[in-house]
Amino acid sequence: MNSKVSDDVSKFDSLKWLVVIAIVAVGVVGNSVYANESLLYRVLALIALAIVAGFVALQTAKGKAFFRLFKEAKNEIRKVVWPTRQETLQTTLIVVVAVLIVGLLLWGLDSLLGWVVSGFIG
């Protein structure tokens, strides 16, 4: 198991992560340096830098593992049996009623304790 993990790790992974950090830093600094430019241009530049940084990050072992995890999660979401509209509405109604009941009980308890304490204090 460990040998497979070691094989997946490239010698240049740290360099690639430094490149990603540098690209993000360029985006942050560039956004503040060009603050007088149009917001549209700055957003487009940040999106382009984010795409390049993401592409470089996906070339690392951790980036590949993240992408694999993302694909597996996407497949698992397809397997989920989602509740129907009626089940969702019924569950929501039960939660709302339970919250109202607990809220009323706490309000009553607070009022009672406030009345008792004000009786002692005067």
PDB file of N, CA and C in Angstrom:
ATOM      1  N   MET A   1       0.826  -1.188   0.000  1.00  0.00           N
ATOM      2  CA  MET A   1       0.000   0.000   0.000  1.00  0.00           C
ATOM      3  C   MET A   1       0.871   1.252   0.000  1.00  0.00           C
ATOM      4  N   ASN A   2       1.868   1.304   0.875  1.00  0.00           N
ATOM      5  CA  ASN A   2       2.722   2.486   0.952  1.00  0.00           C
ATOM      6  C   ASN A   2       3.563   2.661  -0.302  1.00  0.00           C
ATOM      7  N   SER A   3       3.964   1.548  -0.920  1.00  0.00           N
ATOM      8  CA  SER A   3       4.767   1.667  -2.131  1.00  0.00           C
ATOM      9  C   SER A   3       3.954   2.278  -3.259  1.00  0.00           C
ATOM     10  N   LYS A   4       2.640   1.970  -3.315  1.00  0.00           N
ATOM     11  CA  LYS A   4       1.795   2.557  -4.346  1.00  0.00           C
ATOM     12  C   LYS A   4       1.649   4.057  -4.126  1.00  0.00           C
ATOM     13  N   VAL A   5       1.494   4.442  -2.876  1.00  0.00           N
ATOM     14  CA  VAL A   5       1.386   5.864  -2.573  1.00  0.00           C
ATOM     15  C   VAL A   5       2.675   6.574  -2.936  1.00  0.00           C
ATOM     16  N   SER A   6       3.816   5.950  -2.646  1.00  0.00           N
ATOM     17  CA  SER A   6       5.103   6.562  -2.965  1.00  0.00           C
ATOM     18  C   SER A   6       5.295   6.677  -4.468  1.00  0.00           C
ATOM     19  N   ASP A   7       4.783   5.684  -5.233  1.00  0.00           N
ATOM     20  CA  ASP A   7       4.923   5.743  -6.676  1.00  0.00           C
ATOM     21  C   ASP A   7       4.098   6.876  -7.268  1.00  0.00           C
ATOM     22  N   ASP A   8       2.933   7.154  -6.650  1.00  0.00           N
ATOM     23  CA  ASP A   8       2.070   8.196  -7.184  1.00  0.00           C
ATOM     24  C   ASP A   8       2.624   9.593  -6.943  1.00  0.00           C
ATOM     25  N   VAL A   9       3.441   9.756  -5.926  1.00  0.00           N
ATOM     26  CA  VAL A   9       3.965  11.073  -5.585  1.00  0.00           C
ATOM     27  C   VAL A   9       5.116  11.407  -6.519  1.00  0.00           C
ATOM     28  N   SER A  10       4.968  12.492  -7.213  1.00  0.00           N
ATOM     29  CA  SER A  10       5.999  12.928  -8.142  1.00  0.00           C
ATOM     30  C   SER A  10       7.074  13.707  -7.392  1.00  0.00           C
ATOM     31  N   LYS A  11       8.258  13.742  -7.980  1.00  0.00           N
ATOM     32  CA  LYS A  11       9.356  14.515  -7.387  1.00  0.00           C
ATOM     33  C   LYS A  11       9.042  16.007  -7.439  1.00  0.00           C
ATOM     34  N   PHE A  12       8.216  16.388  -8.371  1.00  0.00           N
ATOM     35  CA  PHE A  12       7.968  17.806  -8.606  1.00  0.00           C
ATOM     36  C   PHE A  12       6.681  18.303  -7.957  1.00  0.00           C
ATOM     37  N   ASP A  13       6.055  17.493  -7.097  1.00  0.00           N
ATOM     38  CA  ASP A  13       4.797  17.914  -6.473  1.00  0.00           C
ATOM     39  C   ASP A  13       4.974  19.187  -5.650  1.00  0.00           C
ATOM     40  N   SER A  14       6.076  19.270  -4.874  1.00  0.00           N
ATOM     41  CA  SER A  14       6.260  20.484  -4.064  1.00  0.00           C
ATOM     42  C   SER A  14       6.447  21.703  -4.958  1.00  0.00           C
ATOM     43  N   LEU A  15       7.151  21.523  -6.062  1.00  0.00           N
ATOM     44  CA  LEU A  15       7.340  22.630  -6.987  1.00  0.00           C
ATOM     45  C   LEU A  15       6.001  23.051  -7.600  1.00  0.00           C
ATOM     46  N   LYS A  16       5.177  22.073  -7.940  1.00  0.00           N
ATOM     47  CA  LYS A  16       3.860  22.388  -8.502  1.00  0.00           C
ATOM     48  C   LYS A  16       3.003  23.145  -7.483  1.00  0.00           C
ATOM     49  N   TRP A  17       3.069  22.741  -6.215  1.00  0.00           N
ATOM     50  CA  TRP A  17       2.289  23.455  -5.198  1.00  0.00           C
ATOM     51  C   TRP A  17       2.826  24.870  -4.997  1.00  0.00           C
ATOM     52  N   LEU A  18       4.139  25.052  -5.115  1.00  0.00           N
ATOM     53  CA  LEU A  18       4.700  26.406  -5.037  1.00  0.00           C
ATOM     54  C   LEU A  18       4.202  27.265  -6.201  1.00  0.00           C
ATOM     55  N   VAL A  19       4.086  26.653  -7.384  1.00  0.00           N
ATOM     56  CA  VAL A  19       3.559  27.375  -8.542  1.00  0.00           C
ATOM     57  C   VAL A  19       2.103  27.771  -8.294  1.00  0.00           C
ATOM     58  N   VAL A  20       1.319  26.861  -7.720  1.00  0.00           N
ATOM     59  CA  VAL A  20      -0.080  27.165  -7.410  1.00  0.00           C
ATOM     60  C   VAL A  20      -0.163  28.327  -6.419  1.00  0.00           C
ATOM     61  N   ILE A  21       0.667  28.282  -5.376  1.00  0.00           N
ATOM     62  CA  ILE A  21       0.669  29.356  -4.380  1.00  0.00           C
ATOM     63  C   ILE A  21       1.091  30.677  -5.028  1.00  0.00           C
ATOM     64  N   ALA A  22       2.071  30.609  -5.918  1.00  0.00           N
ATOM     65  CA  ALA A  22       2.526  31.826  -6.603  1.00  0.00           C
ATOM     66  C   ALA A  22       1.420  32.401  -7.490  1.00  0.00           C
ATOM     67  N   ILE A  23       0.687  31.538  -8.182  1.00  0.00           N
ATOM     68  CA  ILE A  23      -0.406  32.009  -9.045  1.00  0.00           C
ATOM     69  C   ILE A  23      -1.493  32.672  -8.205  1.00  0.00           C
ATOM     70  N   VAL A  24      -1.825  32.065  -7.072  1.00  0.00           N
ATOM     71  CA  VAL A  24      -2.836  32.657  -6.191  1.00  0.00           C
ATOM     72  C   VAL A  24      -2.337  33.995  -5.649  1.00  0.00           C
ATOM     73  N   ALA A  25      -1.062  34.057  -5.275  1.00  0.00           N
ATOM     74  CA  ALA A  25      -0.496  35.309  -4.763  1.00  0.00           C
ATOM     75  C   ALA A  25      -0.521  36.396  -5.835  1.00  0.00           C
ATOM     76  N   VAL A  26      -0.210  36.027  -7.072  1.00  0.00           N
ATOM     77  CA  VAL A  26      -0.269  36.993  -8.172  1.00  0.00           C
ATOM     78  C   VAL A  26      -1.689  37.511  -8.341  1.00  0.00           C
ATOM     79  N   GLY A  27      -2.666  36.628  -8.199  1.00  0.00           N
ATOM     80  CA  GLY A  27      -4.060  37.054  -8.303  1.00  0.00           C
ATOM     81  C   GLY A  27      -4.450  38.022  -7.206  1.00  0.00           C
ATOM     82  N   VAL A  28      -4.039  37.734  -5.981  1.00  0.00           N
ATOM     83  CA  VAL A  28      -4.380  38.609  -4.853  1.00  0.00           C
ATOM     84  C   VAL A  28      -3.702  39.967  -5.002  1.00  0.00           C
ATOM     85  N   VAL A  29      -2.412  39.949  -5.271  1.00  0.00           N
ATOM     86  CA  VAL A  29      -1.672  41.205  -5.403  1.00  0.00           C
ATOM     87  C   VAL A  29      -2.154  41.981  -6.631  1.00  0.00           C
ATOM     88  N   GLY A  30      -2.351  41.280  -7.737  1.00  0.00           N
ATOM     89  CA  GLY A  30      -2.813  41.950  -8.955  1.00  0.00           C
ATOM     90  C   GLY A  30      -4.180  42.580  -8.784  1.00  0.00           C
ATOM     91  N   ASN A  31      -5.040  41.927  -8.015  1.00  0.00           N
ATOM     92  CA  ASN A  31      -6.369  42.482  -7.782  1.00  0.00           C
ATOM     93  C   ASN A  31      -6.293  43.788  -7.011  1.00  0.00           C
ATOM     94  N   SER A  32      -5.371  43.878  -6.073  1.00  0.00           N
ATOM     95  CA  SER A  32      -5.251  45.129  -5.315  1.00  0.00           C
ATOM     96  C   SER A  32      -4.466  46.190  -6.093  1.00  0.00           C
ATOM     97  N   VAL A  33      -3.473  45.774  -6.875  1.00  0.00           N
ATOM     98  CA  VAL A  33      -2.695  46.739  -7.663  1.00  0.00           C
ATOM     99  C   VAL A  33      -3.574  47.375  -8.735  1.00  0.00           C
ATOM    100  N   TYR A  34      -4.407  46.572  -9.369  1.00  0.00           N
ATOM    101  CA  TYR A  34      -5.269  47.071 -10.435  1.00  0.00           C
ATOM    102  C   TYR A  34      -6.685  47.359  -9.921  1.00  0.00           C
ATOM    103  N   ALA A  35      -6.779  47.878  -8.717  1.00  0.00           N
ATOM    104  CA  ALA A  35      -8.084  48.163  -8.115  1.00  0.00           C
ATOM    105  C   ALA A  35      -8.859  49.227  -8.886  1.00  0.00           C
ATOM    106  N   ASN A  36      -8.158  50.074  -9.623  1.00  0.00           N
ATOM    107  CA  ASN A  36      -8.836  51.132 -10.379  1.00  0.00           C
ATOM    108  C   ASN A  36      -9.387  50.633 -11.705  1.00  0.00           C
ATOM    109  N   GLU A  37      -8.994  49.445 -12.119  1.00  0.00           N
ATOM    110  CA  GLU A  37      -9.497  48.884 -13.374  1.00  0.00           C
ATOM    111  C   GLU A  37     -10.929  48.410 -13.187  1.00  0.00           C
ATOM    112  N   SER A  38     -11.556  48.094 -14.282  1.00  0.00           N
ATOM    113  CA  SER A  38     -12.943  47.624 -14.256  1.00  0.00           C
ATOM    114  C   SER A  38     -13.048  46.314 -13.478  1.00  0.00           C
ATOM    115  N   LEU A  39     -14.124  46.187 -12.711  1.00  0.00           N
ATOM    116  CA  LEU A  39     -14.342  44.979 -11.920  1.00  0.00           C
ATOM    117  C   LEU A  39     -14.464  43.752 -12.824  1.00  0.00           C
ATOM    118  N   LEU A  40     -15.065  43.927 -13.983  1.00  0.00           N
ATOM    119  CA  LEU A  40     -15.227  42.809 -14.915  1.00  0.00           C
ATOM    120  C   LEU A  40     -13.876  42.244 -15.335  1.00  0.00           C
ATOM    121  N   TYR A  41     -12.929  43.111 -15.674  1.00  0.00           N
ATOM    122  CA  TYR A  41     -11.603  42.649 -16.095  1.00  0.00           C
ATOM    123  C   TYR A  41     -10.880  41.935 -14.964  1.00  0.00           C
ATOM    124  N   ARG A  42     -11.004  42.494 -13.740  1.00  0.00           N
ATOM    125  CA  ARG A  42     -10.333  41.861 -12.596  1.00  0.00           C
ATOM    126  C   ARG A  42     -10.928  40.491 -12.300  1.00  0.00           C
ATOM    127  N   VAL A  43     -12.249  40.373 -12.382  1.00  0.00           N
ATOM    128  CA  VAL A  43     -12.897  39.078 -12.132  1.00  0.00           C
ATOM    129  C   VAL A  43     -12.504  38.073 -13.204  1.00  0.00           C
ATOM    130  N   LEU A  44     -12.483  38.491 -14.458  1.00  0.00           N
ATOM    131  CA  LEU A  44     -12.076  37.583 -15.544  1.00  0.00           C
ATOM    132  C   LEU A  44     -10.630  37.127 -15.360  1.00  0.00           C
ATOM    133  N   ALA A  45      -9.765  38.047 -14.949  1.00  0.00           N
ATOM    134  CA  ALA A  45      -8.359  37.688 -14.704  1.00  0.00           C
ATOM    135  C   ALA A  45      -8.254  36.704 -13.542  1.00  0.00           C
ATOM    136  N   LEU A  46      -9.016  36.934 -12.473  1.00  0.00           N
ATOM    137  CA  LEU A  46      -8.984  36.012 -11.327  1.00  0.00           C
ATOM    138  C   LEU A  46      -9.522  34.636 -11.703  1.00  0.00           C
ATOM    139  N   ILE A  47     -10.561  34.602 -12.531  1.00  0.00           N
ATOM    140  CA  ILE A  47     -11.096  33.314 -12.977  1.00  0.00           C
ATOM    141  C   ILE A  47     -10.062  32.572 -13.819  1.00  0.00           C
ATOM    142  N   ALA A  48      -9.391  33.296 -14.708  1.00  0.00           N
ATOM    143  CA  ALA A  48      -8.360  32.671 -15.544  1.00  0.00           C
ATOM    144  C   ALA A  48      -7.222  32.141 -14.682  1.00  0.00           C
ATOM    145  N   LEU A  49      -6.791  32.925 -13.692  1.00  0.00           N
ATOM    146  CA  LEU A  49      -5.716  32.463 -12.804  1.00  0.00           C
ATOM    147  C   LEU A  49      -6.164  31.268 -11.965  1.00  0.00           C
ATOM    148  N   ALA A  50      -7.425  31.268 -11.531  1.00  0.00           N
ATOM    149  CA  ALA A  50      -7.940  30.140 -10.753  1.00  0.00           C
ATOM    150  C   ALA A  50      -7.978  28.877 -11.595  1.00  0.00           C
ATOM    151  N   ILE A  51      -8.335  28.992 -12.857  1.00  0.00           N
ATOM    152  CA  ILE A  51      -8.360  27.822 -13.750  1.00  0.00           C
ATOM    153  C   ILE A  51      -6.943  27.279 -13.949  1.00  0.00           C
ATOM    154  N   VAL A  52      -5.992  28.179 -14.166  1.00  0.00           N
ATOM    155  CA  VAL A  52      -4.603  27.737 -14.351  1.00  0.00           C
ATOM    156  C   VAL A  52      -4.079  27.090 -13.065  1.00  0.00           C
ATOM    157  N   ALA A  53      -4.346  27.721 -11.914  1.00  0.00           N
ATOM    158  CA  ALA A  53      -3.894  27.161 -10.634  1.00  0.00           C
ATOM    159  C   ALA A  53      -4.553  25.803 -10.385  1.00  0.00           C
ATOM    160  N   GLY A  54      -5.828  25.685 -10.693  1.00  0.00           N
ATOM    161  CA  GLY A  54      -6.520  24.407 -10.526  1.00  0.00           C
ATOM    162  C   GLY A  54      -5.947  23.329 -11.426  1.00  0.00           C
ATOM    163  N   PHE A  55      -5.632  23.704 -12.652  1.00  0.00           N
ATOM    164  CA  PHE A  55      -5.047  22.735 -13.579  1.00  0.00           C
ATOM    165  C   PHE A  55      -3.691  22.254 -13.078  1.00  0.00           C
ATOM    166  N   VAL A  56      -2.881  23.170 -12.577  1.00  0.00           N
ATOM    167  CA  VAL A  56      -1.561  22.784 -12.045  1.00  0.00           C
ATOM    168  C   VAL A  56      -1.732  21.918 -10.805  1.00  0.00           C
ATOM    169  N   ALA A  57      -2.681  22.280  -9.935  1.00  0.00           N
ATOM    170  CA  ALA A  57      -2.907  21.503  -8.707  1.00  0.00           C
ATOM    171  C   ALA A  57      -3.392  20.098  -9.024  1.00  0.00           C
ATOM    172  N   LEU A  58      -4.186  19.938 -10.089  1.00  0.00           N
ATOM    173  CA  LEU A  58      -4.684  18.611 -10.455  1.00  0.00           C
ATOM    174  C   LEU A  58      -3.581  17.713 -11.010  1.00  0.00           C
ATOM    175  N   GLN A  59      -2.433  18.260 -11.316  1.00  0.00           N
ATOM    176  CA  GLN A  59      -1.321  17.461 -11.820  1.00  0.00           C
ATOM    177  C   GLN A  59      -0.528  16.804 -10.686  1.00  0.00           C
ATOM    178  N   THR A  60      -0.804  17.189  -9.439  1.00  0.00           N
ATOM    179  CA  THR A  60      -0.098  16.603  -8.294  1.00  0.00           C
ATOM    180  C   THR A  60      -0.816  15.347  -7.833  1.00  0.00           C
ATOM    181  N   ALA A  61      -0.167  14.571  -6.979  1.00  0.00           N
ATOM    182  CA  ALA A  61      -0.772  13.339  -6.464  1.00  0.00           C
ATOM    183  C   ALA A  61      -2.011  13.654  -5.628  1.00  0.00           C
ATOM    184  N   LYS A  62      -1.925  14.671  -4.786  1.00  0.00           N
ATOM    185  CA  LYS A  62      -3.084  15.053  -3.968  1.00  0.00           C
ATOM    186  C   LYS A  62      -4.202  15.605  -4.841  1.00  0.00           C
ATOM    187  N   GLY A  63      -3.860  16.331  -5.874  1.00  0.00           N
ATOM    188  CA  GLY A  63      -4.866  16.849  -6.797  1.00  0.00           C
ATOM    189  C   GLY A  63      -5.586  15.728  -7.521  1.00  0.00           C
ATOM    190  N   LYS A  64      -4.825  14.714  -7.955  1.00  0.00           N
ATOM    191  CA  LYS A  64      -5.446  13.565  -8.618  1.00  0.00           C
ATOM    192  C   LYS A  64      -6.340  12.791  -7.660  1.00  0.00           C
ATOM    193  N   ALA A  65      -5.880  12.643  -6.408  1.00  0.00           N
ATOM    194  CA  ALA A  65      -6.692  11.954  -5.398  1.00  0.00           C
ATOM    195  C   ALA A  65      -7.972  12.730  -5.124  1.00  0.00           C
ATOM    196  N   PHE A  66      -7.887  14.070  -5.069  1.00  0.00           N
ATOM    197  CA  PHE A  66      -9.073  14.896  -4.865  1.00  0.00           C
ATOM    198  C   PHE A  66     -10.046  14.734  -6.022  1.00  0.00           C
ATOM    199  N   PHE A  67      -9.546  14.739  -7.242  1.00  0.00           N
ATOM    200  CA  PHE A  67     -10.416  14.603  -8.413  1.00  0.00           C
ATOM    201  C   PHE A  67     -11.082  13.236  -8.428  1.00  0.00           C
ATOM    202  N   ARG A  68     -10.340  12.217  -8.048  1.00  0.00           N
ATOM    203  CA  ARG A  68     -10.902  10.862  -7.973  1.00  0.00           C
ATOM    204  C   ARG A  68     -12.005  10.812  -6.906  1.00  0.00           C
ATOM    205  N   LEU A  69     -11.754  11.428  -5.758  1.00  0.00           N
ATOM    206  CA  LEU A  69     -12.756  11.501  -4.693  1.00  0.00           C
ATOM    207  C   LEU A  69     -13.998  12.249  -5.175  1.00  0.00           C
ATOM    208  N   PHE A  70     -13.803  13.326  -5.917  1.00  0.00           N
ATOM    209  CA  PHE A  70     -14.912  14.103  -6.447  1.00  0.00           C
ATOM    210  C   PHE A  70     -15.767  13.261  -7.387  1.00  0.00           C
ATOM    211  N   LYS A  71     -15.122  12.494  -8.267  1.00  0.00           N
ATOM    212  CA  LYS A  71     -15.872  11.642  -9.193  1.00  0.00           C
ATOM    213  C   LYS A  71     -16.634  10.553  -8.450  1.00  0.00           C
ATOM    214  N   GLU A  72     -16.005   9.953  -7.415  1.00  0.00           N
ATOM    215  CA  GLU A  72     -16.678   8.916  -6.639  1.00  0.00           C
ATOM    216  C   GLU A  72     -17.855   9.491  -5.868  1.00  0.00           C
ATOM    217  N   ALA A  73     -17.704  10.684  -5.333  1.00  0.00           N
ATOM    218  CA  ALA A  73     -18.806  11.326  -4.612  1.00  0.00           C
ATOM    219  C   ALA A  73     -19.959  11.634  -5.550  1.00  0.00           C
ATOM    220  N   LYS A  74     -19.629  12.040  -6.751  1.00  0.00           N
ATOM    221  CA  LYS A  74     -20.664  12.321  -7.748  1.00  0.00           C
ATOM    222  C   LYS A  74     -21.441  11.047  -8.080  1.00  0.00           C
ATOM    223  N   ASN A  75     -20.744   9.930  -8.185  1.00  0.00           N
ATOM    224  CA  ASN A  75     -21.413   8.657  -8.444  1.00  0.00           C
ATOM    225  C   ASN A  75     -22.281   8.239  -7.265  1.00  0.00           C
ATOM    226  N   GLU A  76     -21.828   8.497  -6.040  1.00  0.00           N
ATOM    227  CA  GLU A  76     -22.611   8.139  -4.853  1.00  0.00           C
ATOM    228  C   GLU A  76     -23.875   8.983  -4.757  1.00  0.00           C
ATOM    229  N   ILE A  77     -23.789  10.242  -5.154  1.00  0.00           N
ATOM    230  CA  ILE A  77     -24.966  11.113  -5.108  1.00  0.00           C
ATOM    231  C   ILE A  77     -26.040  10.586  -6.046  1.00  0.00           C
ATOM    232  N   ARG A  78     -25.637  10.015  -7.149  1.00  0.00           N
ATOM    233  CA  ARG A  78     -26.611   9.445  -8.085  1.00  0.00           C
ATOM    234  C   ARG A  78     -27.349   8.261  -7.477  1.00  0.00           C
ATOM    235  N   LYS A  79     -26.715   7.565  -6.523  1.00  0.00           N
ATOM    236  CA  LYS A  79     -27.319   6.391  -5.907  1.00  0.00           C
ATOM    237  C   LYS A  79     -28.295   6.736  -4.782  1.00  0.00           C
ATOM    238  N   VAL A  80     -28.282   7.986  -4.329  1.00  0.00           N
ATOM    239  CA  VAL A  80     -29.124   8.390  -3.203  1.00  0.00           C
ATOM    240  C   VAL A  80     -30.590   8.357  -3.623  1.00  0.00           C
ATOM    241  N   VAL A  81     -31.440   7.837  -2.735  1.00  0.00           N
ATOM    242  CA  VAL A  81     -32.876   7.860  -2.972  1.00  0.00           C
ATOM    243  C   VAL A  81     -33.405   9.128  -2.302  1.00  0.00           C
ATOM    244  N   TRP A  82     -33.733  10.107  -3.106  1.00  0.00           N
ATOM    245  CA  TRP A  82     -34.170  11.390  -2.578  1.00  0.00           C
ATOM    246  C   TRP A  82     -35.640  11.305  -2.179  1.00  0.00           C
ATOM    247  N   PRO A  83     -36.040  12.023  -1.118  1.00  0.00           N
ATOM    248  CA  PRO A  83     -37.442  11.983  -0.699  1.00  0.00           C
ATOM    249  C   PRO A  83     -38.337  12.675  -1.723  1.00  0.00           C
ATOM    250  N   THR A  84     -39.605  12.240  -1.721  1.00  0.00           N
ATOM    251  CA  THR A  84     -40.556  12.877  -2.622  1.00  0.00           C
ATOM    252  C   THR A  84     -40.947  14.236  -2.058  1.00  0.00           C
ATOM    253  N   ARG A  85     -41.663  14.993  -2.841  1.00  0.00           N
ATOM    254  CA  ARG A  85     -42.110  16.320  -2.397  1.00  0.00           C
ATOM    255  C   ARG A  85     -43.016  16.195  -1.173  1.00  0.00           C
ATOM    256  N   GLN A  86     -43.904  15.209  -1.188  1.00  0.00           N
ATOM    257  CA  GLN A  86     -44.823  15.021  -0.069  1.00  0.00           C
ATOM    258  C   GLN A  86     -44.057  14.644   1.207  1.00  0.00           C
ATOM    259  N   GLU A  87     -43.072  13.760   1.097  1.00  0.00           N
ATOM    260  CA  GLU A  87     -42.271  13.380   2.266  1.00  0.00           C
ATOM    261  C   GLU A  87     -41.504  14.588   2.823  1.00  0.00           C
ATOM    262  N   THR A  88     -40.993  15.399   1.929  1.00  0.00           N
ATOM    263  CA  THR A  88     -40.249  16.585   2.357  1.00  0.00           C
ATOM    264  C   THR A  88     -41.163  17.566   3.081  1.00  0.00           C
ATOM    265  N   LEU A  89     -42.353  17.803   2.530  1.00  0.00           N
ATOM    266  CA  LEU A  89     -43.297  18.719   3.171  1.00  0.00           C
ATOM    267  C   LEU A  89     -43.745  18.191   4.532  1.00  0.00           C
ATOM    268  N   GLN A  90     -44.014  16.888   4.631  1.00  0.00           N
ATOM    269  CA  GLN A  90     -44.440  16.310   5.906  1.00  0.00           C
ATOM    270  C   GLN A  90     -43.339  16.418   6.950  1.00  0.00           C
ATOM    271  N   THR A  91     -42.133  16.110   6.571  1.00  0.00           N
ATOM    272  CA  THR A  91     -41.007  16.197   7.501  1.00  0.00           C
ATOM    273  C   THR A  91     -40.789  17.642   7.950  1.00  0.00           C
ATOM    274  N   THR A  92     -40.877  18.575   7.010  1.00  0.00           N
ATOM    275  CA  THR A  92     -40.717  19.987   7.349  1.00  0.00           C
ATOM    276  C   THR A  92     -41.801  20.430   8.315  1.00  0.00           C
ATOM    277  N   LEU A  93     -43.032  20.012   8.074  1.00  0.00           N
ATOM    278  CA  LEU A  93     -44.142  20.372   8.963  1.00  0.00           C
ATOM    279  C   LEU A  93     -43.924  19.815  10.370  1.00  0.00           C
ATOM    280  N   ILE A  94     -43.458  18.580  10.462  1.00  0.00           N
ATOM    281  CA  ILE A  94     -43.177  17.973  11.771  1.00  0.00           C
ATOM    282  C   ILE A  94     -42.103  18.767  12.504  1.00  0.00           C
ATOM    283  N   VAL A  95     -41.065  19.163  11.801  1.00  0.00           N
ATOM    284  CA  VAL A  95     -39.980  19.930  12.427  1.00  0.00           C
ATOM    285  C   VAL A  95     -40.494  21.290  12.892  1.00  0.00           C
ATOM    286  N   VAL A  96     -41.277  21.974  12.077  1.00  0.00           N
ATOM    287  CA  VAL A  96     -41.807  23.286  12.447  1.00  0.00           C
ATOM    288  C   VAL A  96     -42.695  23.175  13.681  1.00  0.00           C
ATOM    289  N   VAL A  97     -43.575  22.171  13.714  1.00  0.00           N
ATOM    290  CA  VAL A  97     -44.458  21.982  14.867  1.00  0.00           C
ATOM    291  C   VAL A  97     -43.633  21.667  16.119  1.00  0.00           C
ATOM    292  N   ALA A  98     -42.636  20.810  16.001  1.00  0.00           N
ATOM    293  CA  ALA A  98     -41.796  20.472  17.155  1.00  0.00           C
ATOM    294  C   ALA A  98     -41.059  21.706  17.664  1.00  0.00           C
ATOM    295  N   VAL A  99     -40.554  22.536  16.773  1.00  0.00           N
ATOM    296  CA  VAL A  99     -39.847  23.753  17.184  1.00  0.00           C
ATOM    297  C   VAL A  99     -40.812  24.708  17.884  1.00  0.00           C
ATOM    298  N   LEU A 100     -42.020  24.834  17.358  1.00  0.00           N
ATOM    299  CA  LEU A 100     -43.008  25.706  18.003  1.00  0.00           C
ATOM    300  C   LEU A 100     -43.364  25.207  19.397  1.00  0.00           C
ATOM    301  N   ILE A 101     -43.570  23.905  19.554  1.00  0.00           N
ATOM    302  CA  ILE A 101     -43.915  23.341  20.864  1.00  0.00           C
ATOM    303  C   ILE A 101     -42.784  23.575  21.863  1.00  0.00           C
ATOM    304  N   VAL A 102     -41.556  23.275  21.458  1.00  0.00           N
ATOM    305  CA  VAL A 102     -40.420  23.473  22.355  1.00  0.00           C
ATOM    306  C   VAL A 102     -40.250  24.962  22.663  1.00  0.00           C
ATOM    307  N   GLY A 103     -40.449  25.822  21.679  1.00  0.00           N
ATOM    308  CA  GLY A 103     -40.362  27.260  21.908  1.00  0.00           C
ATOM    309  C   GLY A 103     -41.400  27.738  22.913  1.00  0.00           C
ATOM    310  N   LEU A 104     -42.644  27.254  22.773  1.00  0.00           N
ATOM    311  CA  LEU A 104     -43.689  27.630  23.728  1.00  0.00           C
ATOM    312  C   LEU A 104     -43.384  27.111  25.126  1.00  0.00           C
ATOM    313  N   LEU A 105     -42.875  25.880  25.231  1.00  0.00           N
ATOM    314  CA  LEU A 105     -42.507  25.338  26.541  1.00  0.00           C
ATOM    315  C   LEU A 105     -41.395  26.160  27.182  1.00  0.00           C
ATOM    316  N   LEU A 106     -40.393  26.514  26.419  1.00  0.00           N
ATOM    317  CA  LEU A 106     -39.304  27.326  26.968  1.00  0.00           C
ATOM    318  C   LEU A 106     -39.785  28.724  27.350  1.00  0.00           C
ATOM    319  N   TRP A 107     -40.678  29.302  26.545  1.00  0.00           N
ATOM    320  CA  TRP A 107     -41.234  30.615  26.875  1.00  0.00           C
ATOM    321  C   TRP A 107     -42.026  30.541  28.180  1.00  0.00           C
ATOM    322  N   GLY A 108     -42.833  29.494  28.324  1.00  0.00           N
ATOM    323  CA  GLY A 108     -43.606  29.317  29.554  1.00  0.00           C
ATOM    324  C   GLY A 108     -42.698  29.116  30.764  1.00  0.00           C
ATOM    325  N   LEU A 109     -41.675  28.287  30.608  1.00  0.00           N
ATOM    326  CA  LEU A 109     -40.731  28.057  31.709  1.00  0.00           C
ATOM    327  C   LEU A 109     -39.992  29.345  32.066  1.00  0.00           C
ATOM    328  N   ASP A 110     -39.598  30.110  31.072  1.00  0.00           N
ATOM    329  CA  ASP A 110     -38.911  31.373  31.315  1.00  0.00           C
ATOM    330  C   ASP A 110     -39.835  32.346  32.033  1.00  0.00           C
ATOM    331  N   SER A 111     -41.084  32.420  31.613  1.00  0.00           N
ATOM    332  CA  SER A 111     -42.048  33.314  32.268  1.00  0.00           C
ATOM    333  C   SER A 111     -42.269  32.897  33.713  1.00  0.00           C
ATOM    334  N   LEU A 112     -42.417  31.587  33.950  1.00  0.00           N
ATOM    335  CA  LEU A 112     -42.634  31.091  35.306  1.00  0.00           C
ATOM    336  C   LEU A 112     -41.436  31.398  36.202  1.00  0.00           C
ATOM    337  N   LEU A 113     -40.239  31.106  35.708  1.00  0.00           N
ATOM    338  CA  LEU A 113     -39.041  31.382  36.513  1.00  0.00           C
ATOM    339  C   LEU A 113     -38.859  32.874  36.726  1.00  0.00           C
ATOM    340  N   GLY A 114     -39.176  33.692  35.740  1.00  0.00           N
ATOM    341  CA  GLY A 114     -39.100  35.136  35.902  1.00  0.00           C
ATOM    342  C   GLY A 114     -40.078  35.628  36.955  1.00  0.00           C
ATOM    343  N   TRP A 115     -41.272  35.060  36.970  1.00  0.00           N
ATOM    344  CA  TRP A 115     -42.281  35.429  37.961  1.00  0.00           C
ATOM    345  C   TRP A 115     -41.825  35.022  39.359  1.00  0.00           C
ATOM    346  N   VAL A 116     -41.235  33.802  39.475  1.00  0.00           N
ATOM    347  CA  VAL A 116     -40.760  33.330  40.785  1.00  0.00           C
ATOM    348  C   VAL A 116     -39.605  34.204  41.281  1.00  0.00           C
ATOM    349  N   VAL A 117     -38.664  34.513  40.423  1.00  0.00           N
ATOM    350  CA  VAL A 117     -37.515  35.320  40.825  1.00  0.00           C
ATOM    351  C   VAL A 117     -37.957  36.735  41.185  1.00  0.00           C
ATOM    352  N   SER A 118     -38.877  37.316  40.407  1.00  0.00           N
ATOM    353  CA  SER A 118     -39.353  38.670  40.726  1.00  0.00           C
ATOM    354  C   SER A 118     -40.123  38.668  42.052  1.00  0.00           C
ATOM    355  N   GLY A 119     -40.768  37.552  42.420  1.00  0.00           N
ATOM    356  CA  GLY A 119     -41.430  37.432  43.717  1.00  0.00           C
ATOM    357  C   GLY A 119     -40.432  37.467  44.851  1.00  0.00           C
ATOM    358  N   PHE A 120     -39.289  36.846  44.661  1.00  0.00           N
ATOM    359  CA  PHE A 120     -38.251  36.850  45.698  1.00  0.00           C
ATOM    360  C   PHE A 120     -37.544  38.198  45.778  1.00  0.00           C
ATOM    361  N   ILE A 121     -37.262  38.777  44.635  1.00  0.00           N
ATOM    362  CA  ILE A 121     -36.503  40.034  44.608  1.00  0.00           C
ATOM    363  C   ILE A 121     -37.392  41.207  45.012  1.00  0.00           C
ATOM    364  N   GLY A 122     -38.612  41.202  44.554  1.00  0.00           N
ATOM    365  CA  GLY A 122     -39.549  42.254  44.944  1.00  0.00           C
ATOM    366  C   GLY A 122     -39.865  43.188  43.888  1.00  0.00           C
TER     367      GLY A 122
END
